[in-house]
PDB file of N, CA and C in Angstrom:
ATOM      1  N   UNK A   1     105.451  46.056 103.002  1.00  0.00           N
ATOM      2  CA  UNK A   1     105.980  47.420 102.934  1.00  0.00           C
ATOM      3  C   UNK A   1     104.944  48.274 102.221  1.00  0.00           C
ATOM      4  N   UNK A   2     104.579  49.370 102.853  1.00  0.00           N
ATOM      5  CA  UNK A   2     103.577  50.317 102.314  1.00  0.00           C
ATOM      6  C   UNK A   2     104.316  51.485 101.736  1.00  0.00           C
ATOM      7  N   UNK A   3     103.884  51.911 100.535  1.00  0.00           N
ATOM      8  CA  UNK A   3     104.422  53.022  99.867  1.00  0.00           C
ATOM      9  C   UNK A   3     103.368  54.121  99.713  1.00  0.00           C
ATOM     10  N   UNK A   4     103.748  55.336  99.934  1.00  0.00           N
ATOM     11  CA  UNK A   4     102.861  56.474  99.747  1.00  0.00           C
ATOM     12  C   UNK A   4     103.364  57.341  98.633  1.00  0.00           C
ATOM     13  N   UNK A   5     102.480  57.844  97.855  1.00  0.00           N
ATOM     14  CA  UNK A   5     102.874  58.796  96.767  1.00  0.00           C
ATOM     15  C   UNK A   5     102.533  60.194  97.223  1.00  0.00           C
ATOM     16  N   UNK A   6     103.513  61.077  97.243  1.00  0.00           N
ATOM     17  CA  UNK A   6     103.305  62.468  97.646  1.00  0.00           C
ATOM     18  C   UNK A   6     103.722  63.307  96.445  1.00  0.00           C
ATOM     19  N   UNK A   7     102.803  64.203  95.994  1.00  0.00           N
ATOM     20  CA  UNK A   7     103.114  65.108  94.912  1.00  0.00           C
ATOM     21  C   UNK A   7     103.632  66.364  95.566  1.00  0.00           C
ATOM     22  N   UNK A   8     104.888  66.702  95.364  1.00  0.00           N
ATOM     23  CA  UNK A   8     105.437  67.897  95.987  1.00  0.00           C
ATOM     24  C   UNK A   8     105.783  68.876  94.864  1.00  0.00           C
ATOM     25  N   UNK A   9     105.133  70.011  94.889  1.00  0.00           N
ATOM     26  CA  UNK A   9     105.420  71.032  93.898  1.00  0.00           C
ATOM     27  C   UNK A   9     106.640  71.805  94.333  1.00  0.00           C
ATOM     28  N   UNK A  10     107.362  72.351  93.375  1.00  0.00           N
ATOM     29  CA  UNK A  10     108.553  73.047  93.671  1.00  0.00           C
ATOM     30  C   UNK A  10     108.331  74.357  94.472  1.00  0.00           C
ATOM     31  N   UNK A  11     109.165  74.564  95.490  1.00  0.00           N
ATOM     32  CA  UNK A  11     109.190  75.847  96.178  1.00  0.00           C
ATOM     33  C   UNK A  11     108.052  76.040  97.182  1.00  0.00           C
ATOM     34  N   UNK A  12     107.447  75.025  97.746  1.00  0.00           N
ATOM     35  CA  UNK A  12     106.414  75.215  98.776  1.00  0.00           C
ATOM     36  C   UNK A  12     107.120  75.349 100.124  1.00  0.00           C
ATOM     37  N   UNK A  13     107.022  76.559 100.618  1.00  0.00           N
ATOM     38  CA  UNK A  13     107.695  76.870 101.900  1.00  0.00           C
ATOM     39  C   UNK A  13     106.644  77.163 102.973  1.00  0.00           C
ATOM     40  N   UNK A  14     106.999  76.811 104.169  1.00  0.00           N
ATOM     41  CA  UNK A  14     106.099  77.019 105.339  1.00  0.00           C
ATOM     42  C   UNK A  14     106.848  77.766 106.355  1.00  0.00           C
ATOM     43  N   UNK A  15     106.201  78.807 106.896  1.00  0.00           N
ATOM     44  CA  UNK A  15     106.786  79.613 107.978  1.00  0.00           C
ATOM     45  C   UNK A  15     106.286  79.055 109.283  1.00  0.00           C
ATOM     46  N   UNK A  16     107.239  78.623 110.177  1.00  0.00           N
ATOM     47  CA  UNK A  16     106.900  78.105 111.501  1.00  0.00           C
ATOM     48  C   UNK A  16     107.276  79.187 112.496  1.00  0.00           C
ATOM     49  N   UNK A  17     106.292  79.616 113.306  1.00  0.00           N
ATOM     50  CA  UNK A  17     106.523  80.714 114.234  1.00  0.00           C
ATOM     51  C   UNK A  17     106.348  80.220 115.689  1.00  0.00           C
ATOM     52  N   UNK A  18     107.252  80.707 116.555  1.00  0.00           N
ATOM     53  CA  UNK A  18     107.175  80.401 117.988  1.00  0.00           C
ATOM     54  C   UNK A  18     106.562  81.588 118.670  1.00  0.00           C
ATOM     55  N   UNK A  19     105.330  81.415 119.170  1.00  0.00           N
ATOM     56  CA  UNK A  19     104.599  82.470 119.861  1.00  0.00           C
ATOM     57  C   UNK A  19     104.572  82.237 121.367  1.00  0.00           C
ATOM     58  N   UNK A  20     105.462  81.441 121.892  1.00  0.00           N
ATOM     59  CA  UNK A  20     105.535  81.146 123.288  1.00  0.00           C
ATOM     60  C   UNK A  20     106.509  82.121 123.961  1.00  0.00           C
ATOM     61  N   UNK A  21     106.614  82.083 125.275  1.00  0.00           N
ATOM     62  CA  UNK A  21     107.545  82.950 125.977  1.00  0.00           C
ATOM     63  C   UNK A  21     108.934  82.399 126.116  1.00  0.00           C
ATOM     64  N   UNK A  22     109.142  81.118 125.690  1.00  0.00           N
ATOM     65  CA  UNK A  22     110.466  80.520 125.792  1.00  0.00           C
ATOM     66  C   UNK A  22     110.859  79.864 124.434  1.00  0.00           C
ATOM     67  N   UNK A  23     112.093  79.355 124.394  1.00  0.00           N
ATOM     68  CA  UNK A  23     112.549  78.719 123.170  1.00  0.00           C
ATOM     69  C   UNK A  23     111.938  77.342 122.989  1.00  0.00           C
ATOM     70  N   UNK A  24     111.812  76.922 121.722  1.00  0.00           N
ATOM     71  CA  UNK A  24     111.415  75.522 121.400  1.00  0.00           C
ATOM     72  C   UNK A  24     112.369  74.984 120.323  1.00  0.00           C
ATOM     73  N   UNK A  25     112.476  73.700 120.260  1.00  0.00           N
ATOM     74  CA  UNK A  25     113.341  73.062 119.241  1.00  0.00           C
ATOM     75  C   UNK A  25     112.427  72.424 118.196  1.00  0.00           C
ATOM     76  N   UNK A  26     112.809  72.658 116.963  1.00  0.00           N
ATOM     77  CA  UNK A  26     112.233  71.900 115.801  1.00  0.00           C
ATOM     78  C   UNK A  26     113.232  70.882 115.422  1.00  0.00           C
ATOM     79  N   UNK A  27     112.932  69.586 115.679  1.00  0.00           N
ATOM     80  CA  UNK A  27     113.866  68.481 115.416  1.00  0.00           C
ATOM     81  C   UNK A  27     113.459  67.832 114.128  1.00  0.00           C
ATOM     82  N   UNK A  28     114.317  67.772 113.117  1.00  0.00           N
ATOM     83  CA  UNK A  28     114.014  67.018 111.875  1.00  0.00           C
ATOM     84  C   UNK A  28     114.453  65.615 112.122  1.00  0.00           C
ATOM     85  N   UNK A  29     113.509  64.687 111.989  1.00  0.00           N
ATOM     86  CA  UNK A  29     113.771  63.263 112.257  1.00  0.00           C
ATOM     87  C   UNK A  29     113.344  62.414 111.114  1.00  0.00           C
ATOM     88  N   UNK A  30     113.999  61.271 110.950  1.00  0.00           N
ATOM     89  CA  UNK A  30     113.599  60.212 110.011  1.00  0.00           C
ATOM     90  C   UNK A  30     113.482  58.991 110.854  1.00  0.00           C
ATOM     91  N   UNK A  31     112.216  58.520 111.033  1.00  0.00           N
ATOM     92  CA  UNK A  31     111.944  57.415 112.020  1.00  0.00           C
ATOM     93  C   UNK A  31     112.250  57.970 113.378  1.00  0.00           C
ATOM     94  N   UNK A  32     113.147  57.311 114.144  1.00  0.00           N
ATOM     95  CA  UNK A  32     113.538  57.798 115.455  1.00  0.00           C
ATOM     96  C   UNK A  32     114.912  58.494 115.416  1.00  0.00           C
ATOM     97  N   UNK A  33     115.491  58.578 114.238  1.00  0.00           N
ATOM     98  CA  UNK A  33     116.851  59.127 114.172  1.00  0.00           C
ATOM     99  C   UNK A  33     116.778  60.692 113.988  1.00  0.00           C
ATOM    100  N   UNK A  34     117.494  61.336 114.852  1.00  0.00           N
ATOM    101  CA  UNK A  34     117.564  62.798 114.799  1.00  0.00           C
ATOM    102  C   UNK A  34     118.542  63.245 113.724  1.00  0.00           C
ATOM    103  N   UNK A  35     118.111  64.071 112.796  1.00  0.00           N
ATOM    104  CA  UNK A  35     118.904  64.523 111.668  1.00  0.00           C
ATOM    105  C   UNK A  35     119.391  65.961 111.816  1.00  0.00           C
ATOM    106  N   UNK A  36     118.541  66.823 112.323  1.00  0.00           N
ATOM    107  CA  UNK A  36     118.906  68.246 112.461  1.00  0.00           C
ATOM    108  C   UNK A  36     118.014  68.892 113.487  1.00  0.00           C
ATOM    109  N   UNK A  37     118.535  69.977 114.151  1.00  0.00           N
ATOM    110  CA  UNK A  37     117.722  70.685 115.176  1.00  0.00           C
ATOM    111  C   UNK A  37     117.801  72.188 114.871  1.00  0.00           C
ATOM    112  N   UNK A  38     116.657  72.833 114.869  1.00  0.00           N
ATOM    113  CA  UNK A  38     116.598  74.315 114.811  1.00  0.00           C
ATOM    114  C   UNK A  38     115.949  74.794 116.123  1.00  0.00           C
ATOM    115  N   UNK A  39     116.636  75.694 116.829  1.00  0.00           N
ATOM    116  CA  UNK A  39     116.056  76.269 117.998  1.00  0.00           C
ATOM    117  C   UNK A  39     115.476  77.651 117.684  1.00  0.00           C
ATOM    118  N   UNK A  40     114.174  77.751 118.003  1.00  0.00           N
ATOM    119  CA  UNK A  40     113.428  79.008 117.761  1.00  0.00           C
ATOM    120  C   UNK A  40     113.285  79.761 119.093  1.00  0.00           C
ATOM    121  N   UNK A  41     113.803  80.964 119.154  1.00  0.00           N
ATOM    122  CA  UNK A  41     113.646  81.743 120.346  1.00  0.00           C
ATOM    123  C   UNK A  41     112.241  82.299 120.385  1.00  0.00           C
ATOM    124  N   UNK A  42     111.832  82.814 121.451  1.00  0.00           N
ATOM    125  CA  UNK A  42     110.487  83.383 121.640  1.00  0.00           C
ATOM    126  C   UNK A  42     110.228  84.456 120.586  1.00  0.00           C
ATOM    127  N   UNK A  43     109.077  84.417 119.919  1.00  0.00           N
ATOM    128  CA  UNK A  43     108.757  85.413 118.940  1.00  0.00           C
ATOM    129  C   UNK A  43     109.431  85.274 117.576  1.00  0.00           C
ATOM    130  N   UNK A  44     110.276  84.303 117.378  1.00  0.00           N
ATOM    131  CA  UNK A  44     111.005  84.175 116.094  1.00  0.00           C
ATOM    132  C   UNK A  44     110.389  83.053 115.279  1.00  0.00           C
ATOM    133  N   UNK A  45     110.816  82.929 114.042  1.00  0.00           N
ATOM    134  CA  UNK A  45     110.233  81.969 113.101  1.00  0.00           C
ATOM    135  C   UNK A  45     111.355  81.334 112.222  1.00  0.00           C
ATOM    136  N   UNK A  46     110.975  80.276 111.574  1.00  0.00           N
ATOM    137  CA  UNK A  46     111.890  79.553 110.695  1.00  0.00           C
ATOM    138  C   UNK A  46     111.069  79.112 109.435  1.00  0.00           C
ATOM    139  N   UNK A  47     111.633  79.270 108.247  1.00  0.00           N
ATOM    140  CA  UNK A  47     111.011  78.877 107.040  1.00  0.00           C
ATOM    141  C   UNK A  47     111.520  77.474 106.671  1.00  0.00           C
ATOM    142  N   UNK A  48     110.603  76.531 106.435  1.00  0.00           N
ATOM    143  CA  UNK A  48     110.972  75.159 106.076  1.00  0.00           C
ATOM    144  C   UNK A  48     110.420  74.868 104.687  1.00  0.00           C
ATOM    145  N   UNK A  49     111.162  74.217 103.869  1.00  0.00           N
ATOM    146  CA  UNK A  49     110.783  73.810 102.509  1.00  0.00           C
ATOM    147  C   UNK A  49     110.596  72.349 102.469  1.00  0.00           C
ATOM    148  N   UNK A  50     109.374  71.861 102.213  1.00  0.00           N
ATOM    149  CA  UNK A  50     109.095  70.420 102.286  1.00  0.00           C
ATOM    150  C   UNK A  50     109.876  69.638 101.209  1.00  0.00           C
ATOM    151  N   UNK A  51     110.032  70.202 100.016  1.00  0.00           N
ATOM    152  CA  UNK A  51     110.792  69.489  98.989  1.00  0.00           C
ATOM    153  C   UNK A  51     112.267  69.336  99.342  1.00  0.00           C
ATOM    154  N   UNK A  52     112.859  70.450  99.821  1.00  0.00           N
ATOM    155  CA  UNK A  52     114.290  70.357 100.222  1.00  0.00           C
ATOM    156  C   UNK A  52     114.456  69.411 101.380  1.00  0.00           C
ATOM    157  N   UNK A  53     113.515  69.425 102.346  1.00  0.00           N
ATOM    158  CA  UNK A  53     113.593  68.520 103.462  1.00  0.00           C
ATOM    159  C   UNK A  53     113.511  67.063 103.028  1.00  0.00           C
ATOM    160  N   UNK A  54     112.607  66.759 102.094  1.00  0.00           N
ATOM    161  CA  UNK A  54     112.495  65.435 101.592  1.00  0.00           C
ATOM    162  C   UNK A  54     113.795  65.010 100.840  1.00  0.00           C
ATOM    163  N   UNK A  55     114.280  65.863  99.948  1.00  0.00           N
ATOM    164  CA  UNK A  55     115.439  65.523  99.165  1.00  0.00           C
ATOM    165  C   UNK A  55     116.701  65.404 100.053  1.00  0.00           C
ATOM    166  N   UNK A  56     116.734  66.092 101.147  1.00  0.00           N
ATOM    167  CA  UNK A  56     117.918  66.052 102.031  1.00  0.00           C
ATOM    168  C   UNK A  56     117.919  64.817 102.962  1.00  0.00           C
ATOM    169  N   UNK A  57     116.723  64.465 103.445  1.00  0.00           N
ATOM    170  CA  UNK A  57     116.690  63.476 104.550  1.00  0.00           C
ATOM    171  C   UNK A  57     116.055  62.156 104.202  1.00  0.00           C
ATOM    172  N   UNK A  58     115.258  62.053 103.140  1.00  0.00           N
ATOM    173  CA  UNK A  58     114.620  60.779 102.792  1.00  0.00           C
ATOM    174  C   UNK A  58     115.623  59.883 102.039  1.00  0.00           C
ATOM    175  N   UNK A  59     115.536  58.543 102.188  1.00  0.00           N
ATOM    176  CA  UNK A  59     116.392  57.711 101.426  1.00  0.00           C
ATOM    177  C   UNK A  59     116.126  57.887  99.930  1.00  0.00           C
ATOM    178  N   UNK A  60     117.213  57.859  99.122  1.00  0.00           N
ATOM    179  CA  UNK A  60     117.134  58.071  97.717  1.00  0.00           C
ATOM    180  C   UNK A  60     116.428  56.921  96.983  1.00  0.00           C
ATOM    181  N   UNK A  61     115.408  57.269  96.152  1.00  0.00           N
ATOM    182  CA  UNK A  61     114.767  56.282  95.305  1.00  0.00           C
ATOM    183  C   UNK A  61     114.851  56.825  93.869  1.00  0.00           C
ATOM    184  N   UNK A  62     114.354  58.004  93.590  1.00  0.00           N
ATOM    185  CA  UNK A  62     114.385  58.528  92.280  1.00  0.00           C
ATOM    186  C   UNK A  62     114.379  60.071  92.444  1.00  0.00           C
ATOM    187  N   UNK A  63     115.505  60.722  92.205  1.00  0.00           N
ATOM    188  CA  UNK A  63     115.617  62.141  92.427  1.00  0.00           C
ATOM    189  C   UNK A  63     114.931  62.987  91.358  1.00  0.00           C
ATOM    190  N   UNK A  64     114.745  62.491  90.184  1.00  0.00           N
ATOM    191  CA  UNK A  64     114.258  63.266  89.091  1.00  0.00           C
ATOM    192  C   UNK A  64     112.725  63.240  88.935  1.00  0.00           C
ATOM    193  N   UNK A  65     112.073  62.383  89.687  1.00  0.00           N
ATOM    194  CA  UNK A  65     110.603  62.199  89.517  1.00  0.00           C
ATOM    195  C   UNK A  65     109.829  63.345  90.162  1.00  0.00           C
ATOM    196  N   UNK A  66     108.695  63.691  89.526  1.00  0.00           N
ATOM    197  CA  UNK A  66     107.821  64.686  90.133  1.00  0.00           C
ATOM    198  C   UNK A  66     107.061  64.082  91.343  1.00  0.00           C
ATOM    199  N   UNK A  67     106.746  62.836  91.187  1.00  0.00           N
ATOM    200  CA  UNK A  67     106.078  62.148  92.326  1.00  0.00           C
ATOM    201  C   UNK A  67     107.145  61.368  93.047  1.00  0.00           C
ATOM    202  N   UNK A  68     107.299  61.576  94.325  1.00  0.00           N
ATOM    203  CA  UNK A  68     108.338  60.977  95.138  1.00  0.00           C
ATOM    204  C   UNK A  68     107.759  59.883  95.974  1.00  0.00           C
ATOM    205  N   UNK A  69     108.315  58.684  95.917  1.00  0.00           N
ATOM    206  CA  UNK A  69     107.844  57.549  96.628  1.00  0.00           C
ATOM    207  C   UNK A  69     108.739  57.241  97.820  1.00  0.00           C
ATOM    208  N   UNK A  70     108.143  56.922  98.940  1.00  0.00           N
ATOM    209  CA  UNK A  70     108.906  56.541 100.083  1.00  0.00           C
ATOM    210  C   UNK A  70     108.122  55.632 101.017  1.00  0.00           C
ATOM    211  N   UNK A  71     108.849  54.942 101.841  1.00  0.00           N
ATOM    212  CA  UNK A  71     108.241  54.077 102.868  1.00  0.00           C
ATOM    213  C   UNK A  71     107.837  54.942 104.042  1.00  0.00           C
ATOM    214  N   UNK A  72     106.706  54.590 104.671  1.00  0.00           N
ATOM    215  CA  UNK A  72     106.241  55.340 105.825  1.00  0.00           C
ATOM    216  C   UNK A  72     107.257  55.481 106.944  1.00  0.00           C
ATOM    217  N   UNK A  73     108.025  54.426 107.191  1.00  0.00           N
ATOM    218  CA  UNK A  73     108.989  54.417 108.268  1.00  0.00           C
ATOM    219  C   UNK A  73     110.168  55.317 107.956  1.00  0.00           C
ATOM    220  N   UNK A  74     110.387  55.700 106.686  1.00  0.00           N
ATOM    221  CA  UNK A  74     111.555  56.545 106.317  1.00  0.00           C
ATOM    222  C   UNK A  74     111.115  57.961 106.033  1.00  0.00           C
ATOM    223  N   UNK A  75     109.893  58.356 106.419  1.00  0.00           N
ATOM    224  CA  UNK A  75     109.369  59.663 106.126  1.00  0.00           C
ATOM    225  C   UNK A  75     109.936  60.715 107.079  1.00  0.00           C
ATOM    226  N   UNK A  76     110.603  61.778 106.557  1.00  0.00           N
ATOM    227  CA  UNK A  76     111.057  62.836 107.413  1.00  0.00           C
ATOM    228  C   UNK A  76     109.879  63.611 107.992  1.00  0.00           C
ATOM    229  N   UNK A  77     110.056  64.071 109.245  1.00  0.00           N
ATOM    230  CA  UNK A  77     109.047  64.880 109.902  1.00  0.00           C
ATOM    231  C   UNK A  77     109.722  65.846 110.816  1.00  0.00           C
ATOM    232  N   UNK A  78     108.959  66.848 111.326  1.00  0.00           N
ATOM    233  CA  UNK A  78     109.504  67.817 112.269  1.00  0.00           C
ATOM    234  C   UNK A  78     108.870  67.540 113.616  1.00  0.00           C
ATOM    235  N   UNK A  79     109.656  67.271 114.639  1.00  0.00           N
ATOM    236  CA  UNK A  79     109.175  67.032 115.976  1.00  0.00           C
ATOM    237  C   UNK A  79     109.318  68.345 116.769  1.00  0.00           C
ATOM    238  N   UNK A  80     108.258  68.709 117.469  1.00  0.00           N
ATOM    239  CA  UNK A  80     108.251  69.946 118.285  1.00  0.00           C
ATOM    240  C   UNK A  80     108.649  69.554 119.677  1.00  0.00           C
ATOM    241  N   UNK A  81     109.768  70.110 120.186  1.00  0.00           N
ATOM    242  CA  UNK A  81     110.254  69.763 121.490  1.00  0.00           C
ATOM    243  C   UNK A  81     110.435  71.032 122.321  1.00  0.00           C
ATOM    244  N   UNK A  82     109.942  70.933 123.564  1.00  0.00           N
ATOM    245  CA  UNK A  82     110.059  72.103 124.511  1.00  0.00           C
ATOM    246  C   UNK A  82     111.152  71.759 125.484  1.00  0.00           C
ATOM    247  N   UNK A  83     112.334  72.324 125.284  1.00  0.00           N
ATOM    248  CA  UNK A  83     113.462  71.967 126.170  1.00  0.00           C
ATOM    249  C   UNK A  83     113.396  72.449 127.604  1.00  0.00           C
ATOM    250  N   UNK A  84     112.528  73.495 127.844  1.00  0.00           N
ATOM    251  CA  UNK A  84     112.491  74.062 129.167  1.00  0.00           C
ATOM    252  C   UNK A  84     111.460  73.409 130.039  1.00  0.00           C
ATOM    253  N   UNK A  85     110.250  73.108 129.540  1.00  0.00           N
ATOM    254  CA  UNK A  85     109.175  72.687 130.469  1.00  0.00           C
ATOM    255  C   UNK A  85     108.998  71.166 130.391  1.00  0.00           C
ATOM    256  N   UNK A  86     109.259  70.509 131.522  1.00  0.00           N
ATOM    257  CA  UNK A  86     109.093  69.097 131.619  1.00  0.00           C
ATOM    258  C   UNK A  86     107.632  68.755 131.707  1.00  0.00           C
ATOM    259  N   UNK A  87     106.852  69.623 132.362  1.00  0.00           N
ATOM    260  CA  UNK A  87     105.411  69.342 132.556  1.00  0.00           C
ATOM    261  C   UNK A  87     104.542  69.771 131.370  1.00  0.00           C
ATOM    262  N   UNK A  88     105.100  70.464 130.431  1.00  0.00           N
ATOM    263  CA  UNK A  88     104.308  70.961 129.325  1.00  0.00           C
ATOM    264  C   UNK A  88     104.046  69.853 128.260  1.00  0.00           C
ATOM    265  N   UNK A  89     102.850  69.855 127.790  1.00  0.00           N
ATOM    266  CA  UNK A  89     102.447  68.930 126.721  1.00  0.00           C
ATOM    267  C   UNK A  89     102.294  69.716 125.446  1.00  0.00           C
ATOM    268  N   UNK A  90     102.470  69.064 124.310  1.00  0.00           N
ATOM    269  CA  UNK A  90     102.184  69.681 123.024  1.00  0.00           C
ATOM    270  C   UNK A  90     101.045  68.859 122.469  1.00  0.00           C
ATOM    271  N   UNK A  91      99.950  69.529 122.071  1.00  0.00           N
ATOM    272  CA  UNK A  91      98.814  68.853 121.552  1.00  0.00           C
ATOM    273  C   UNK A  91      99.106  68.056 120.241  1.00  0.00           C
ATOM    274  N   UNK A  92      99.834  68.668 119.368  1.00  0.00           N
ATOM    275  CA  UNK A  92     100.326  67.918 118.219  1.00  0.00           C
ATOM    276  C   UNK A  92     101.825  68.049 118.222  1.00  0.00           C
ATOM    277  N   UNK A  93     102.530  66.967 118.433  1.00  0.00           N
ATOM    278  CA  UNK A  93     104.006  67.034 118.653  1.00  0.00           C
ATOM    279  C   UNK A  93     104.815  66.983 117.386  1.00  0.00           C
ATOM    280  N   UNK A  94     104.259  66.693 116.239  1.00  0.00           N
ATOM    281  CA  UNK A  94     105.022  66.612 115.065  1.00  0.00           C
ATOM    282  C   UNK A  94     104.289  67.248 113.873  1.00  0.00           C
ATOM    283  N   UNK A  95     105.067  67.631 112.806  1.00  0.00           N
ATOM    284  CA  UNK A  95     104.520  68.107 111.575  1.00  0.00           C
ATOM    285  C   UNK A  95     105.083  67.252 110.474  1.00  0.00           C
ATOM    286  N   UNK A  96     104.230  66.718 109.663  1.00  0.00           N
ATOM    287  CA  UNK A  96     104.623  65.821 108.571  1.00  0.00           C
ATOM    288  C   UNK A  96     104.974  66.625 107.327  1.00  0.00           C
ATOM    289  N   UNK A  97     105.491  65.948 106.287  1.00  0.00           N
ATOM    290  CA  UNK A  97     105.715  66.616 105.032  1.00  0.00           C
ATOM    291  C   UNK A  97     104.430  67.140 104.409  1.00  0.00           C
ATOM    292  N   UNK A  98     103.341  66.407 104.644  1.00  0.00           N
ATOM    293  CA  UNK A  98     102.062  66.792 104.124  1.00  0.00           C
ATOM    294  C   UNK A  98     101.627  68.135 104.761  1.00  0.00           C
ATOM    295  N   UNK A  99     101.895  68.300 106.099  1.00  0.00           N
ATOM    296  CA  UNK A  99     101.545  69.560 106.760  1.00  0.00           C
ATOM    297  C   UNK A  99     102.359  70.702 106.193  1.00  0.00           C
ATOM    298  N   UNK A 100     103.620  70.429 105.935  1.00  0.00           N
ATOM    299  CA  UNK A 100     104.467  71.511 105.339  1.00  0.00           C
ATOM    300  C   UNK A 100     104.039  71.863 103.940  1.00  0.00           C
ATOM    301  N   UNK A 101     103.531  70.856 103.234  1.00  0.00           N
ATOM    302  CA  UNK A 101     103.047  71.066 101.828  1.00  0.00           C
ATOM    303  C   UNK A 101     101.707  71.794 101.836  1.00  0.00           C
ATOM    304  N   UNK A 102     100.819  71.486 102.743  1.00  0.00           N
ATOM    305  CA  UNK A 102      99.441  71.952 102.683  1.00  0.00           C
ATOM    306  C   UNK A 102      99.198  73.268 103.459  1.00  0.00           C
ATOM    307  N   UNK A 103     100.133  73.638 104.361  1.00  0.00           N
ATOM    308  CA  UNK A 103      99.864  74.845 105.164  1.00  0.00           C
ATOM    309  C   UNK A 103     101.018  75.890 104.948  1.00  0.00           C
ATOM    310  N   UNK A 104     100.632  77.127 104.851  1.00  0.00           N
ATOM    311  CA  UNK A 104     101.582  78.188 104.538  1.00  0.00           C
ATOM    312  C   UNK A 104     102.232  78.700 105.827  1.00  0.00           C
ATOM    313  N   UNK A 105     101.561  78.607 106.975  1.00  0.00           N
ATOM    314  CA  UNK A 105     102.069  79.118 108.195  1.00  0.00           C
ATOM    315  C   UNK A 105     101.616  78.199 109.376  1.00  0.00           C
ATOM    316  N   UNK A 106     102.520  77.929 110.229  1.00  0.00           N
ATOM    317  CA  UNK A 106     102.259  77.083 111.421  1.00  0.00           C
ATOM    318  C   UNK A 106     102.718  77.888 112.636  1.00  0.00           C
ATOM    319  N   UNK A 107     101.770  78.100 113.568  1.00  0.00           N
ATOM    320  CA  UNK A 107     102.072  78.884 114.773  1.00  0.00           C
ATOM    321  C   UNK A 107     102.041  77.941 115.968  1.00  0.00           C
ATOM    322  N   UNK A 108     103.067  78.050 116.842  1.00  0.00           N
ATOM    323  CA  UNK A 108     103.082  77.304 118.067  1.00  0.00           C
ATOM    324  C   UNK A 108     102.935  78.283 119.214  1.00  0.00           C
ATOM    325  N   UNK A 109     101.919  78.082 120.007  1.00  0.00           N
ATOM    326  CA  UNK A 109     101.597  78.982 121.074  1.00  0.00           C
ATOM    327  C   UNK A 109     101.198  78.316 122.361  1.00  0.00           C
ATOM    328  N   UNK A 110     101.234  79.041 123.454  1.00  0.00           N
ATOM    329  CA  UNK A 110     100.815  78.494 124.776  1.00  0.00           C
ATOM    330  C   UNK A 110      99.319  78.798 124.937  1.00  0.00           C
ATOM    331  N   UNK A 111      98.581  77.819 125.340  1.00  0.00           N
ATOM    332  CA  UNK A 111      97.122  78.003 125.587  1.00  0.00           C
ATOM    333  C   UNK A 111      96.967  78.807 126.852  1.00  0.00           C
ATOM    334  N   UNK A 112      96.058  79.811 126.801  1.00  0.00           N
ATOM    335  CA  UNK A 112      95.850  80.607 128.011  1.00  0.00           C
ATOM    336  C   UNK A 112      95.145  79.746 129.092  1.00  0.00           C
ATOM    337  N   UNK A 113      95.674  79.910 130.351  1.00  0.00           N
ATOM    338  CA  UNK A 113      95.111  79.112 131.450  1.00  0.00           C
ATOM    339  C   UNK A 113      95.586  77.682 131.545  1.00  0.00           C
ATOM    340  N   UNK A 114      96.361  77.208 130.613  1.00  0.00           N
ATOM    341  CA  UNK A 114      96.903  75.834 130.647  1.00  0.00           C
ATOM    342  C   UNK A 114      98.409  75.889 130.477  1.00  0.00           C
ATOM    343  N   UNK A 115      99.003  74.824 130.791  1.00  0.00           N
ATOM    344  CA  UNK A 115     100.523  74.782 130.614  1.00  0.00           C
ATOM    345  C   UNK A 115     100.826  73.868 129.446  1.00  0.00           C
ATOM    346  N   UNK A 116     100.034  73.907 128.392  1.00  0.00           N
ATOM    347  CA  UNK A 116     100.274  73.053 127.227  1.00  0.00           C
ATOM    348  C   UNK A 116     100.477  73.961 126.029  1.00  0.00           C
ATOM    349  N   UNK A 117     101.210  73.449 125.066  1.00  0.00           N
ATOM    350  CA  UNK A 117     101.477  74.177 123.810  1.00  0.00           C
ATOM    351  C   UNK A 117     100.500  73.627 122.728  1.00  0.00           C
ATOM    352  N   UNK A 118     100.042  74.505 121.874  1.00  0.00           N
ATOM    353  CA  UNK A 118      99.121  74.100 120.793  1.00  0.00           C
ATOM    354  C   UNK A 118      99.706  74.548 119.478  1.00  0.00           C
ATOM    355  N   UNK A 119      99.251  73.922 118.404  1.00  0.00           N
ATOM    356  CA  UNK A 119      99.689  74.197 117.041  1.00  0.00           C
ATOM    357  C   UNK A 119      98.527  74.684 116.214  1.00  0.00           C
ATOM    358  N   UNK A 120      98.673  75.869 115.610  1.00  0.00           N
ATOM    359  CA  UNK A 120      97.658  76.404 114.677  1.00  0.00           C
ATOM    360  C   UNK A 120      98.259  76.367 113.284  1.00  0.00           C
ATOM    361  N   UNK A 121      97.468  75.812 112.338  1.00  0.00           N
ATOM    362  CA  UNK A 121      97.893  75.727 110.936  1.00  0.00           C
ATOM    363  C   UNK A 121      97.045  76.595 110.035  1.00  0.00           C
ATOM    364  N   UNK A 122      97.660  77.415 109.260  1.00  0.00           N
ATOM    365  CA  UNK A 122      96.983  78.264 108.303  1.00  0.00           C
ATOM    366  C   UNK A 122      97.076  77.607 106.937  1.00  0.00           C
ATOM    367  N   UNK A 123      95.896  77.230 106.353  1.00  0.00           N
ATOM    368  CA  UNK A 123      95.932  76.562 105.021  1.00  0.00           C
ATOM    369  C   UNK A 123      96.493  77.433 103.977  1.00  0.00           C
ATOM    370  N   UNK A 124      97.111  76.794 102.995  1.00  0.00           N
ATOM    371  CA  UNK A 124      97.755  77.475 101.859  1.00  0.00           C
ATOM    372  C   UNK A 124      96.632  77.971 100.930  1.00  0.00           C
ATOM    373  N   UNK A 125      96.602  79.211 100.537  1.00  0.00           N
ATOM    374  CA  UNK A 125      95.516  79.762  99.692  1.00  0.00           C
ATOM    375  C   UNK A 125      95.796  79.547  98.241  1.00  0.00           C
ATOM    376  N   UNK A 126      97.034  79.256  97.854  1.00  0.00           N
ATOM    377  CA  UNK A 126      97.380  79.165  96.445  1.00  0.00           C
ATOM    378  C   UNK A 126      97.197  77.725  95.868  1.00  0.00           C
ATOM    379  N   UNK A 127      96.770  76.745  96.703  1.00  0.00           N
ATOM    380  CA  UNK A 127      96.558  75.372  96.230  1.00  0.00           C
ATOM    381  C   UNK A 127      95.055  75.225  95.973  1.00  0.00           C
ATOM    382  N   UNK A 128      94.746  74.355  94.986  1.00  0.00           N
ATOM    383  CA  UNK A 128      93.343  74.031  94.706  1.00  0.00           C
ATOM    384  C   UNK A 128      92.725  73.186  95.787  1.00  0.00           C
TER     385      UNK A 128
END
């Protein structure tokens, strides 16, 4: 069993924006289990907090610790799902807790001339 140590500072929020012409689903999953779904309409966004997501969906080990330990198979993540396009691919289909911690804004857009979705991540400027 492999354990990872993730240092999550309080209040790190990430804005996820849908820049496509249709709706997409942000599915919060733990392993293969679906926990929650947020549907983003075209041009809309959703703010996700990595600490709240961890505390809500990861198995409880120690709630009061600043460093949170968890098994890789129990790690919550956000899966990007396009409910409309069967032929569309997403270059990166999931966002991990580390992505939500390290990036302040994540944009999902359609590549010009292709029928695939891409993910752009804007690094957080307030972290060392």
